[in-house]
PDB file of all heavy atoms in Angstrom:
ATOM      1  N   LEU A   1     -53.197 -71.446  81.820  1.00  0.00           N
ATOM      2  CA  LEU A   1     -52.015 -71.486  80.967  1.00  0.00           C
ATOM      3  C   LEU A   1     -52.414 -71.662  79.504  1.00  0.00           C
ATOM      4  O   LEU A   1     -51.913 -70.956  78.622  1.00  0.00           O
ATOM      5  CB  LEU A   1     -51.069 -72.620  81.389  1.00  0.00           C
ATOM      6  CG  LEU A   1     -49.867 -72.849  80.465  1.00  0.00           C
ATOM      7  CD1 LEU A   1     -48.947 -71.639  80.452  1.00  0.00           C
ATOM      8  CD2 LEU A   1     -49.121 -74.104  80.872  1.00  0.00           C
ATOM      9  N   LEU A   2     -53.338 -72.569  79.240  1.00  0.00           N
ATOM     10  CA  LEU A   2     -53.786 -72.799  77.862  1.00  0.00           C
ATOM     11  C   LEU A   2     -54.468 -71.567  77.275  1.00  0.00           C
ATOM     12  O   LEU A   2     -54.258 -71.219  76.115  1.00  0.00           O
ATOM     13  CB  LEU A   2     -54.713 -74.011  77.799  1.00  0.00           C
ATOM     14  CG  LEU A   2     -54.069 -75.366  78.116  1.00  0.00           C
ATOM     15  CD1 LEU A   2     -55.120 -76.463  78.176  1.00  0.00           C
ATOM     16  CD2 LEU A   2     -52.982 -75.699  77.119  1.00  0.00           C
ATOM     17  N   GLU A   3     -55.242 -70.879  78.089  1.00  0.00           N
ATOM     18  CA  GLU A   3     -55.909 -69.655  77.630  1.00  0.00           C
ATOM     19  C   GLU A   3     -54.884 -68.571  77.306  1.00  0.00           C
ATOM     20  O   GLU A   3     -54.958 -67.909  76.264  1.00  0.00           O
ATOM     21  CB  GLU A   3     -56.870 -69.166  78.715  1.00  0.00           C
ATOM     22  CG  GLU A   3     -57.683 -67.962  78.321  1.00  0.00           C
ATOM     23  CD  GLU A   3     -58.651 -67.554  79.426  1.00  0.00           C
ATOM     24  OE1 GLU A   3     -59.334 -68.433  79.979  1.00  0.00           O
ATOM     25  OE2 GLU A   3     -58.704 -66.347  79.721  1.00  0.00           O
ATOM     26  N   ALA A   4     -53.894 -68.409  78.184  1.00  0.00           N
ATOM     27  CA  ALA A   4     -52.847 -67.415  77.945  1.00  0.00           C
ATOM     28  C   ALA A   4     -52.001 -67.795  76.727  1.00  0.00           C
ATOM     29  O   ALA A   4     -51.610 -66.919  75.942  1.00  0.00           O
ATOM     30  CB  ALA A   4     -51.962 -67.268  79.185  1.00  0.00           C
ATOM     31  N   LEU A   5     -51.750 -69.076  76.552  1.00  0.00           N
ATOM     32  CA  LEU A   5     -50.985 -69.543  75.388  1.00  0.00           C
ATOM     33  C   LEU A   5     -51.734 -69.256  74.093  1.00  0.00           C
ATOM     34  O   LEU A   5     -51.145 -68.780  73.117  1.00  0.00           O
ATOM     35  CB  LEU A   5     -50.685 -71.039  75.508  1.00  0.00           C
ATOM     36  CG  LEU A   5     -49.979 -71.659  74.309  1.00  0.00           C
ATOM     37  CD1 LEU A   5     -48.584 -71.092  74.132  1.00  0.00           C
ATOM     38  CD2 LEU A   5     -49.933 -73.168  74.445  1.00  0.00           C
ATOM     39  N   ASP A   6     -53.026 -69.524  74.077  1.00  0.00           N
ATOM     40  CA  ASP A   6     -53.832 -69.226  72.882  1.00  0.00           C
ATOM     41  C   ASP A   6     -53.782 -67.736  72.539  1.00  0.00           C
ATOM     42  O   ASP A   6     -53.663 -67.361  71.375  1.00  0.00           O
ATOM     43  CB  ASP A   6     -55.285 -69.679  73.080  1.00  0.00           C
ATOM     44  CG  ASP A   6     -55.429 -71.196  73.074  1.00  0.00           C
ATOM     45  OD1 ASP A   6     -54.531 -71.892  72.553  1.00  0.00           O
ATOM     46  OD2 ASP A   6     -56.451 -71.686  73.595  1.00  0.00           O
ATOM     47  N   ALA A   7     -53.858 -66.888  73.562  1.00  0.00           N
ATOM     48  CA  ALA A   7     -53.785 -65.443  73.344  1.00  0.00           C
ATOM     49  C   ALA A   7     -52.404 -65.047  72.827  1.00  0.00           C
ATOM     50  O   ALA A   7     -52.276 -64.189  71.945  1.00  0.00           O
ATOM     51  CB  ALA A   7     -54.105 -64.694  74.637  1.00  0.00           C
ATOM     52  N   PHE A   8     -51.352 -65.700  73.341  1.00  0.00           N
ATOM     53  CA  PHE A   8     -49.982 -65.436  72.907  1.00  0.00           C
ATOM     54  C   PHE A   8     -49.808 -65.782  71.427  1.00  0.00           C
ATOM     55  O   PHE A   8     -49.292 -64.988  70.645  1.00  0.00           O
ATOM     56  CB  PHE A   8     -49.020 -66.252  73.776  1.00  0.00           C
ATOM     57  CG  PHE A   8     -47.564 -66.104  73.418  1.00  0.00           C
ATOM     58  CD1 PHE A   8     -46.885 -64.926  73.660  1.00  0.00           C
ATOM     59  CD2 PHE A   8     -46.865 -67.173  72.869  1.00  0.00           C
ATOM     60  CE1 PHE A   8     -45.535 -64.798  73.342  1.00  0.00           C
ATOM     61  CE2 PHE A   8     -45.521 -67.057  72.552  1.00  0.00           C
ATOM     62  CZ  PHE A   8     -44.853 -65.864  72.796  1.00  0.00           C
ATOM     63  N   VAL A   9     -50.281 -66.963  71.033  1.00  0.00           N
ATOM     64  CA  VAL A   9     -50.160 -67.396  69.637  1.00  0.00           C
ATOM     65  C   VAL A   9     -50.968 -66.476  68.720  1.00  0.00           C
ATOM     66  O   VAL A   9     -50.494 -66.079  67.647  1.00  0.00           O
ATOM     67  CB  VAL A   9     -50.586 -68.875  69.483  1.00  0.00           C
ATOM     68  CG1 VAL A   9     -50.701 -69.268  68.015  1.00  0.00           C
ATOM     69  CG2 VAL A   9     -49.605 -69.783  70.217  1.00  0.00           C
ATOM     70  N   LEU A  10     -52.159 -66.113  69.143  1.00  0.00           N
ATOM     71  CA  LEU A  10     -52.991 -65.203  68.346  1.00  0.00           C
ATOM     72  C   LEU A  10     -52.291 -63.852  68.151  1.00  0.00           C
ATOM     73  O   LEU A  10     -52.276 -63.303  67.046  1.00  0.00           O
ATOM     74  CB  LEU A  10     -54.352 -65.019  69.009  1.00  0.00           C
ATOM     75  CG  LEU A  10     -55.357 -64.166  68.254  1.00  0.00           C
ATOM     76  CD1 LEU A  10     -55.706 -64.793  66.902  1.00  0.00           C
ATOM     77  CD2 LEU A  10     -56.623 -63.989  69.084  1.00  0.00           C
ATOM     78  N   GLU A  11     -51.689 -63.338  69.206  1.00  0.00           N
ATOM     79  CA  GLU A  11     -50.984 -62.054  69.107  1.00  0.00           C
ATOM     80  C   GLU A  11     -49.749 -62.170  68.213  1.00  0.00           C
ATOM     81  O   GLU A  11     -49.449 -61.250  67.449  1.00  0.00           O
ATOM     82  CB  GLU A  11     -50.594 -61.542  70.500  1.00  0.00           C
ATOM     83  CG  GLU A  11     -49.987 -60.159  70.499  1.00  0.00           C
ATOM     84  CD  GLU A  11     -50.923 -59.045  70.027  1.00  0.00           C
ATOM     85  OE1 GLU A  11     -52.155 -59.214  70.080  1.00  0.00           O
ATOM     86  OE2 GLU A  11     -50.403 -57.987  69.605  1.00  0.00           O
ATOM     87  N   LEU A  12     -49.030 -63.295  68.282  1.00  0.00           N
ATOM     88  CA  LEU A  12     -47.892 -63.513  67.376  1.00  0.00           C
ATOM     89  C   LEU A  12     -48.356 -63.432  65.923  1.00  0.00           C
ATOM     90  O   LEU A  12     -47.712 -62.800  65.088  1.00  0.00           O
ATOM     91  CB  LEU A  12     -47.244 -64.877  67.630  1.00  0.00           C
ATOM     92  CG  LEU A  12     -46.420 -65.058  68.899  1.00  0.00           C
ATOM     93  CD1 LEU A  12     -46.050 -66.528  69.079  1.00  0.00           C
ATOM     94  CD2 LEU A  12     -45.171 -64.183  68.878  1.00  0.00           C
ATOM     95  N   LYS A  13     -49.483 -64.088  65.636  1.00  0.00           N
ATOM     96  CA  LYS A  13     -50.015 -64.094  64.263  1.00  0.00           C
ATOM     97  C   LYS A  13     -50.406 -62.698  63.808  1.00  0.00           C
ATOM     98  O   LYS A  13     -50.230 -62.345  62.647  1.00  0.00           O
ATOM     99  CB  LYS A  13     -51.209 -65.043  64.172  1.00  0.00           C
ATOM    100  CG  LYS A  13     -50.805 -66.502  64.279  1.00  0.00           C
ATOM    101  CD  LYS A  13     -52.010 -67.431  64.264  1.00  0.00           C
ATOM    102  CE  LYS A  13     -51.548 -68.879  64.378  1.00  0.00           C
ATOM    103  NZ  LYS A  13     -52.670 -69.817  64.402  1.00  0.00           N
ATOM    104  N   LYS A  14     -50.933 -61.884  64.740  1.00  0.00           N
ATOM    105  CA  LYS A  14     -51.333 -60.517  64.399  1.00  0.00           C
ATOM    106  C   LYS A  14     -50.128 -59.615  64.160  1.00  0.00           C
ATOM    107  O   LYS A  14     -50.160 -58.761  63.285  1.00  0.00           O
ATOM    108  CB  LYS A  14     -52.169 -59.907  65.535  1.00  0.00           C
ATOM    109  CG  LYS A  14     -53.572 -60.434  65.627  1.00  0.00           C
ATOM    110  CD  LYS A  14     -54.278 -59.746  66.780  1.00  0.00           C
ATOM    111  CE  LYS A  14     -55.662 -60.299  67.014  1.00  0.00           C
ATOM    112  NZ  LYS A  14     -56.285 -59.676  68.198  1.00  0.00           N
ATOM    113  N   ARG A  15     -49.061 -59.800  64.949  1.00  0.00           N
ATOM    114  CA  ARG A  15     -47.918 -58.892  64.922  1.00  0.00           C
ATOM    115  C   ARG A  15     -46.959 -59.132  63.765  1.00  0.00           C
ATOM    116  O   ARG A  15     -46.334 -58.189  63.289  1.00  0.00           O
ATOM    117  CB  ARG A  15     -47.112 -59.026  66.225  1.00  0.00           C
ATOM    118  CG  ARG A  15     -47.737 -58.334  67.384  1.00  0.00           C
ATOM    119  CD  ARG A  15     -46.895 -58.574  68.644  1.00  0.00           C
ATOM    120  NE  ARG A  15     -47.455 -57.846  69.736  1.00  0.00           N
ATOM    121  CZ  ARG A  15     -47.003 -56.681  70.187  1.00  0.00           C
ATOM    122  NH1 ARG A  15     -45.954 -56.124  69.653  1.00  0.00           N
ATOM    123  NH2 ARG A  15     -47.598 -56.072  71.193  1.00  0.00           N
ATOM    124  N   TYR A  16     -46.806 -60.389  63.371  1.00  0.00           N
ATOM    125  CA  TYR A  16     -45.726 -60.712  62.443  1.00  0.00           C
ATOM    126  C   TYR A  16     -46.254 -61.430  61.201  1.00  0.00           C
ATOM    127  O   TYR A  16     -47.112 -62.285  61.289  1.00  0.00           O
ATOM    128  CB  TYR A  16     -44.680 -61.606  63.119  1.00  0.00           C
ATOM    129  CG  TYR A  16     -44.278 -61.094  64.489  1.00  0.00           C
ATOM    130  CD1 TYR A  16     -44.559 -61.826  65.635  1.00  0.00           C
ATOM    131  CD2 TYR A  16     -43.627 -59.869  64.640  1.00  0.00           C
ATOM    132  CE1 TYR A  16     -44.201 -61.368  66.896  1.00  0.00           C
ATOM    133  CE2 TYR A  16     -43.271 -59.394  65.894  1.00  0.00           C
ATOM    134  CZ  TYR A  16     -43.558 -60.155  67.007  1.00  0.00           C
ATOM    135  OH  TYR A  16     -43.217 -59.687  68.253  1.00  0.00           O
ATOM    136  N   ALA A  17     -45.689 -61.086  60.081  1.00  0.00           N
ATOM    137  CA  ALA A  17     -46.027 -61.761  58.820  1.00  0.00           C
ATOM    138  C   ALA A  17     -45.091 -62.959  58.666  1.00  0.00           C
ATOM    139  O   ALA A  17     -44.313 -63.058  57.727  1.00  0.00           O
ATOM    140  CB  ALA A  17     -45.874 -60.801  57.650  1.00  0.00           C
ATOM    141  N   ILE A  18     -45.174 -63.842  59.651  1.00  0.00           N
ATOM    142  CA  ILE A  18     -44.299 -65.014  59.728  1.00  0.00           C
ATOM    143  C   ILE A  18     -45.188 -66.218  60.023  1.00  0.00           C
ATOM    144  O   ILE A  18     -46.159 -66.110  60.782  1.00  0.00           O
ATOM    145  CB  ILE A  18     -43.271 -64.854  60.875  1.00  0.00           C
ATOM    146  CG1 ILE A  18     -42.393 -63.620  60.657  1.00  0.00           C
ATOM    147  CG2 ILE A  18     -42.402 -66.102  61.015  1.00  0.00           C
ATOM    148  CD1 ILE A  18     -41.513 -63.278  61.844  1.00  0.00           C
ATOM    149  N   ASP A  19     -44.862 -67.361  59.446  1.00  0.00           N
ATOM    150  CA  ASP A  19     -45.591 -68.581  59.779  1.00  0.00           C
ATOM    151  C   ASP A  19     -45.401 -68.891  61.259  1.00  0.00           C
ATOM    152  O   ASP A  19     -44.298 -68.766  61.795  1.00  0.00           O
ATOM    153  CB  ASP A  19     -45.081 -69.764  58.949  1.00  0.00           C
ATOM    154  CG  ASP A  19     -45.478 -69.670  57.487  1.00  0.00           C
ATOM    155  OD1 ASP A  19     -46.485 -68.987  57.185  1.00  0.00           O
ATOM    156  OD2 ASP A  19     -44.783 -70.274  56.654  1.00  0.00           O
ATOM    157  N   ILE A  20     -46.490 -69.303  61.891  1.00  0.00           N
ATOM    158  CA  ILE A  20     -46.465 -69.699  63.301  1.00  0.00           C
ATOM    159  C   ILE A  20     -46.924 -71.145  63.354  1.00  0.00           C
ATOM    160  O   ILE A  20     -47.931 -71.498  62.738  1.00  0.00           O
ATOM    161  CB  ILE A  20     -47.432 -68.845  64.162  1.00  0.00           C
ATOM    162  CG1 ILE A  20     -47.281 -67.341  63.890  1.00  0.00           C
ATOM    163  CG2 ILE A  20     -47.282 -69.186  65.634  1.00  0.00           C
ATOM    164  CD1 ILE A  20     -46.039 -66.698  64.387  1.00  0.00           C
ATOM    165  N   ASP A  21     -46.191 -71.967  64.086  1.00  0.00           N
ATOM    166  CA  ASP A  21     -46.587 -73.366  64.230  1.00  0.00           C
ATOM    167  C   ASP A  21     -46.455 -73.752  65.693  1.00  0.00           C
ATOM    168  O   ASP A  21     -45.765 -73.083  66.463  1.00  0.00           O
ATOM    169  CB  ASP A  21     -45.708 -74.263  63.351  1.00  0.00           C
ATOM    170  CG  ASP A  21     -46.402 -75.566  62.972  1.00  0.00           C
ATOM    171  OD1 ASP A  21     -47.510 -75.841  63.484  1.00  0.00           O
ATOM    172  OD2 ASP A  21     -45.834 -76.314  62.164  1.00  0.00           O
ATOM    173  N   GLU A  22     -47.129 -74.824  66.065  1.00  0.00           N
ATOM    174  CA  GLU A  22     -47.078 -75.308  67.436  1.00  0.00           C
ATOM    175  C   GLU A  22     -46.687 -76.780  67.432  1.00  0.00           C
ATOM    176  O   GLU A  22     -46.988 -77.500  66.482  1.00  0.00           O
ATOM    177  CB  GLU A  22     -48.452 -75.160  68.107  1.00  0.00           C
ATOM    178  CG  GLU A  22     -48.919 -73.728  68.208  1.00  0.00           C
ATOM    179  CD  GLU A  22     -50.297 -73.615  68.839  1.00  0.00           C
ATOM    180  OE1 GLU A  22     -50.590 -74.328  69.802  1.00  0.00           O
ATOM    181  OE2 GLU A  22     -51.094 -72.797  68.343  1.00  0.00           O
ATOM    182  N   VAL A  23     -46.006 -77.194  68.500  1.00  0.00           N
ATOM    183  CA  VAL A  23     -45.677 -78.606  68.685  1.00  0.00           C
ATOM    184  C   VAL A  23     -46.004 -78.986  70.122  1.00  0.00           C
ATOM    185  O   VAL A  23     -46.004 -78.143  71.017  1.00  0.00           O
ATOM    186  CB  VAL A  23     -44.195 -78.936  68.390  1.00  0.00           C
ATOM    187  CG1 VAL A  23     -43.852 -78.717  66.942  1.00  0.00           C
ATOM    188  CG2 VAL A  23     -43.260 -78.172  69.282  1.00  0.00           C
ATOM    189  N   ASP A  24     -46.274 -80.238  70.311  1.00  0.00           N
ATOM    190  CA  ASP A  24     -46.525 -80.761  71.657  1.00  0.00           C
ATOM    191  C   ASP A  24     -45.232 -80.647  72.457  1.00  0.00           C
ATOM    192  O   ASP A  24     -44.205 -81.179  72.060  1.00  0.00           O
ATOM    193  CB  ASP A  24     -46.973 -82.221  71.564  1.00  0.00           C
ATOM    194  CG  ASP A  24     -47.224 -82.859  72.916  1.00  0.00           C
ATOM    195  OD1 ASP A  24     -47.242 -82.140  73.936  1.00  0.00           O
ATOM    196  OD2 ASP A  24     -47.388 -84.087  72.956  1.00  0.00           O
ATOM    197  N   GLU A  25     -45.301 -79.931  73.559  1.00  0.00           N
ATOM    198  CA  GLU A  25     -44.104 -79.739  74.365  1.00  0.00           C
ATOM    199  C   GLU A  25     -44.188 -80.476  75.694  1.00  0.00           C
ATOM    200  O   GLU A  25     -43.474 -80.136  76.629  1.00  0.00           O
ATOM    201  CB  GLU A  25     -43.842 -78.251  74.577  1.00  0.00           C
ATOM    202  CG  GLU A  25     -44.943 -77.526  75.288  1.00  0.00           C
ATOM    203  CD  GLU A  25     -44.546 -77.047  76.674  1.00  0.00           C
ATOM    204  OE1 GLU A  25     -43.369 -76.954  76.982  1.00  0.00           O
ATOM    205  OE2 GLU A  25     -45.465 -76.774  77.449  1.00  0.00           O
ATOM    206  N   SER A  26     -45.021 -81.494  75.750  1.00  0.00           N
ATOM    207  CA  SER A  26     -45.133 -82.259  76.982  1.00  0.00           C
ATOM    208  C   SER A  26     -43.758 -82.764  77.400  1.00  0.00           C
ATOM    209  O   SER A  26     -43.029 -83.327  76.592  1.00  0.00           O
ATOM    210  CB  SER A  26     -46.074 -83.438  76.786  1.00  0.00           C
ATOM    211  OG  SER A  26     -47.351 -82.986  76.393  1.00  0.00           O
ATOM    212  N   PHE A  27     -43.407 -82.516  78.616  1.00  0.00           N
ATOM    213  CA  PHE A  27     -42.181 -83.012  79.249  1.00  0.00           C
ATOM    214  C   PHE A  27     -40.898 -82.344  78.766  1.00  0.00           C
ATOM    215  O   PHE A  27     -39.809 -82.792  79.116  1.00  0.00           O
ATOM    216  CB  PHE A  27     -42.063 -84.540  79.100  1.00  0.00           C
ATOM    217  CG  PHE A  27     -43.291 -85.275  79.544  1.00  0.00           C
ATOM    218  CD1 PHE A  27     -44.098 -85.918  78.626  1.00  0.00           C
ATOM    219  CD2 PHE A  27     -43.674 -85.288  80.879  1.00  0.00           C
ATOM    220  CE1 PHE A  27     -45.244 -86.577  79.031  1.00  0.00           C
ATOM    221  CE2 PHE A  27     -44.812 -85.941  81.292  1.00  0.00           C
ATOM    222  CZ  PHE A  27     -45.603 -86.601  80.362  1.00  0.00           C
ATOM    223  N   THR A  28     -40.967 -81.275  77.952  1.00  0.00           N
ATOM    224  CA  THR A  28     -39.714 -80.650  77.515  1.00  0.00           C
ATOM    225  C   THR A  28     -38.977 -80.002  78.684  1.00  0.00           C
ATOM    226  O   THR A  28     -37.750 -80.062  78.734  1.00  0.00           O
ATOM    227  CB  THR A  28     -39.928 -79.602  76.403  1.00  0.00           C
ATOM    228  OG1 THR A  28     -40.869 -78.632  76.851  1.00  0.00           O
ATOM    229  CG2 THR A  28     -40.377 -80.240  75.112  1.00  0.00           C
ATOM    230  N   SER A  29     -39.699 -79.405  79.622  1.00  0.00           N
ATOM    231  CA  SER A  29     -39.022 -78.791  80.765  1.00  0.00           C
ATOM    232  C   SER A  29     -38.346 -79.853  81.625  1.00  0.00           C
ATOM    233  O   SER A  29     -37.220 -79.662  82.097  1.00  0.00           O
ATOM    234  CB  SER A  29     -40.004 -77.967  81.604  1.00  0.00           C
ATOM    235  OG  SER A  29     -40.431 -76.845  80.870  1.00  0.00           O
ATOM    236  N   THR A  30     -39.002 -80.985  81.805  1.00  0.00           N
ATOM    237  CA  THR A  30     -38.404 -82.085  82.563  1.00  0.00           C
ATOM    238  C   THR A  30     -37.171 -82.612  81.848  1.00  0.00           C
ATOM    239  O   THR A  30     -36.122 -82.826  82.462  1.00  0.00           O
ATOM    240  CB  THR A  30     -39.431 -83.220  82.758  1.00  0.00           C
ATOM    241  OG1 THR A  30     -40.573 -82.682  83.438  1.00  0.00           O
ATOM    242  CG2 THR A  30     -38.844 -84.353  83.566  1.00  0.00           C
ATOM    243  N   ALA A  31     -37.273 -82.805  80.535  1.00  0.00           N
ATOM    244  CA  ALA A  31     -36.133 -83.292  79.755  1.00  0.00           C
ATOM    245  C   ALA A  31     -34.997 -82.271  79.776  1.00  0.00           C
ATOM    246  O   ALA A  31     -33.821 -82.645  79.873  1.00  0.00           O
ATOM    247  CB  ALA A  31     -36.566 -83.576  78.323  1.00  0.00           C
ATOM    248  N   ALA A  32     -35.319 -80.993  79.695  1.00  0.00           N
ATOM    249  CA  ALA A  32     -34.298 -79.954  79.727  1.00  0.00           C
ATOM    250  C   ALA A  32     -33.565 -79.964  81.066  1.00  0.00           C
ATOM    251  O   ALA A  32     -32.332 -79.868  81.108  1.00  0.00           O
ATOM    252  CB  ALA A  32     -34.934 -78.589  79.480  1.00  0.00           C
ATOM    253  N   GLU A  33     -34.310 -80.091  82.142  1.00  0.00           N
ATOM    254  CA  GLU A  33     -33.693 -80.119  83.465  1.00  0.00           C
ATOM    255  C   GLU A  33     -32.784 -81.331  83.610  1.00  0.00           C
ATOM    256  O   GLU A  33     -31.661 -81.223  84.117  1.00  0.00           O
ATOM    257  CB  GLU A  33     -34.771 -80.119  84.549  1.00  0.00           C
ATOM    258  CG  GLU A  33     -34.219 -79.959  85.941  1.00  0.00           C
ATOM    259  CD  GLU A  33     -35.295 -79.708  86.983  1.00  0.00           C
ATOM    260  OE1 GLU A  33     -36.494 -79.678  86.638  1.00  0.00           O
ATOM    261  OE2 GLU A  33     -34.922 -79.531  88.141  1.00  0.00           O
ATOM    262  N   GLU A  34     -33.225 -82.478  83.128  1.00  0.00           N
ATOM    263  CA  GLU A  34     -32.395 -83.684  83.195  1.00  0.00           C
ATOM    264  C   GLU A  34     -31.125 -83.525  82.365  1.00  0.00           C
ATOM    265  O   GLU A  34     -30.038 -83.927  82.795  1.00  0.00           O
ATOM    266  CB  GLU A  34     -33.193 -84.902  82.724  1.00  0.00           C
ATOM    267  CG  GLU A  34     -34.275 -85.315  83.691  1.00  0.00           C
ATOM    268  CD  GLU A  34     -35.188 -86.408  83.152  1.00  0.00           C
ATOM    269  OE1 GLU A  34     -34.907 -86.959  82.063  1.00  0.00           O
ATOM    270  OE2 GLU A  34     -36.175 -86.719  83.832  1.00  0.00           O
ATOM    271  N   THR A  35     -31.244 -82.922  81.187  1.00  0.00           N
ATOM    272  CA  THR A  35     -30.082 -82.683  80.321  1.00  0.00           C
ATOM    273  C   THR A  35     -29.083 -81.767  81.009  1.00  0.00           C
ATOM    274  O   THR A  35     -27.870 -82.035  81.018  1.00  0.00           O
ATOM    275  CB  THR A  35     -30.536 -82.062  78.984  1.00  0.00           C
ATOM    276  OG1 THR A  35     -31.407 -82.975  78.322  1.00  0.00           O
ATOM    277  CG2 THR A  35     -29.355 -81.733  78.086  1.00  0.00           C
ATOM    278  N   LEU A  36     -29.570 -80.697  81.603  1.00  0.00           N
ATOM    279  CA  LEU A  36     -28.683 -79.758  82.283  1.00  0.00           C
ATOM    280  C   LEU A  36     -28.043 -80.388  83.520  1.00  0.00           C
ATOM    281  O   LEU A  36     -26.854 -80.172  83.786  1.00  0.00           O
ATOM    282  CB  LEU A  36     -29.448 -78.485  82.655  1.00  0.00           C
ATOM    283  CG  LEU A  36     -29.800 -77.585  81.476  1.00  0.00           C
ATOM    284  CD1 LEU A  36     -30.785 -76.504  81.904  1.00  0.00           C
ATOM    285  CD2 LEU A  36     -28.554 -76.971  80.876  1.00  0.00           C
ATOM    286  N   ARG A  37     -28.796 -81.159  84.276  1.00  0.00           N
ATOM    287  CA  ARG A  37     -28.229 -81.828  85.460  1.00  0.00           C
ATOM    288  C   ARG A  37     -27.126 -82.806  85.056  1.00  0.00           C
ATOM    289  O   ARG A  37     -26.084 -82.884  85.694  1.00  0.00           O
ATOM    290  CB  ARG A  37     -29.320 -82.552  86.243  1.00  0.00           C
ATOM    291  CG  ARG A  37     -30.188 -81.641  87.049  1.00  0.00           C
ATOM    292  CD  ARG A  37     -31.088 -82.434  88.005  1.00  0.00           C
ATOM    293  NE  ARG A  37     -32.140 -81.605  88.516  1.00  0.00           N
ATOM    294  CZ  ARG A  37     -31.991 -80.671  89.455  1.00  0.00           C
ATOM    295  NH1 ARG A  37     -30.809 -80.452  89.971  1.00  0.00           N
ATOM    296  NH2 ARG A  37     -33.019 -79.957  89.865  1.00  0.00           N
ATOM    297  N   ALA A  38     -27.386 -83.562  83.996  1.00  0.00           N
ATOM    298  CA  ALA A  38     -26.377 -84.511  83.525  1.00  0.00           C
ATOM    299  C   ALA A  38     -25.119 -83.768  83.069  1.00  0.00           C
ATOM    300  O   ALA A  38     -23.995 -84.187  83.370  1.00  0.00           O
ATOM    301  CB  ALA A  38     -26.938 -85.351  82.378  1.00  0.00           C
ATOM    302  N   GLY A  39     -25.295 -82.668  82.348  1.00  0.00           N
ATOM    303  CA  GLY A  39     -24.153 -81.875  81.911  1.00  0.00           C
ATOM    304  C   GLY A  39     -23.387 -81.278  83.067  1.00  0.00           C
ATOM    305  O   GLY A  39     -22.156 -81.223  83.053  1.00  0.00           O
TER     306      GLY A  39
END
């Protein structure tokens, strides 16, 4: 997953003249699922 993510970010940088940034997304899927279940 990390290798594919690095390739994805590299390709984004090649394709677009747009700033690319990364953030730690640990537990976002878990938090999203909890938010949706609560809703």
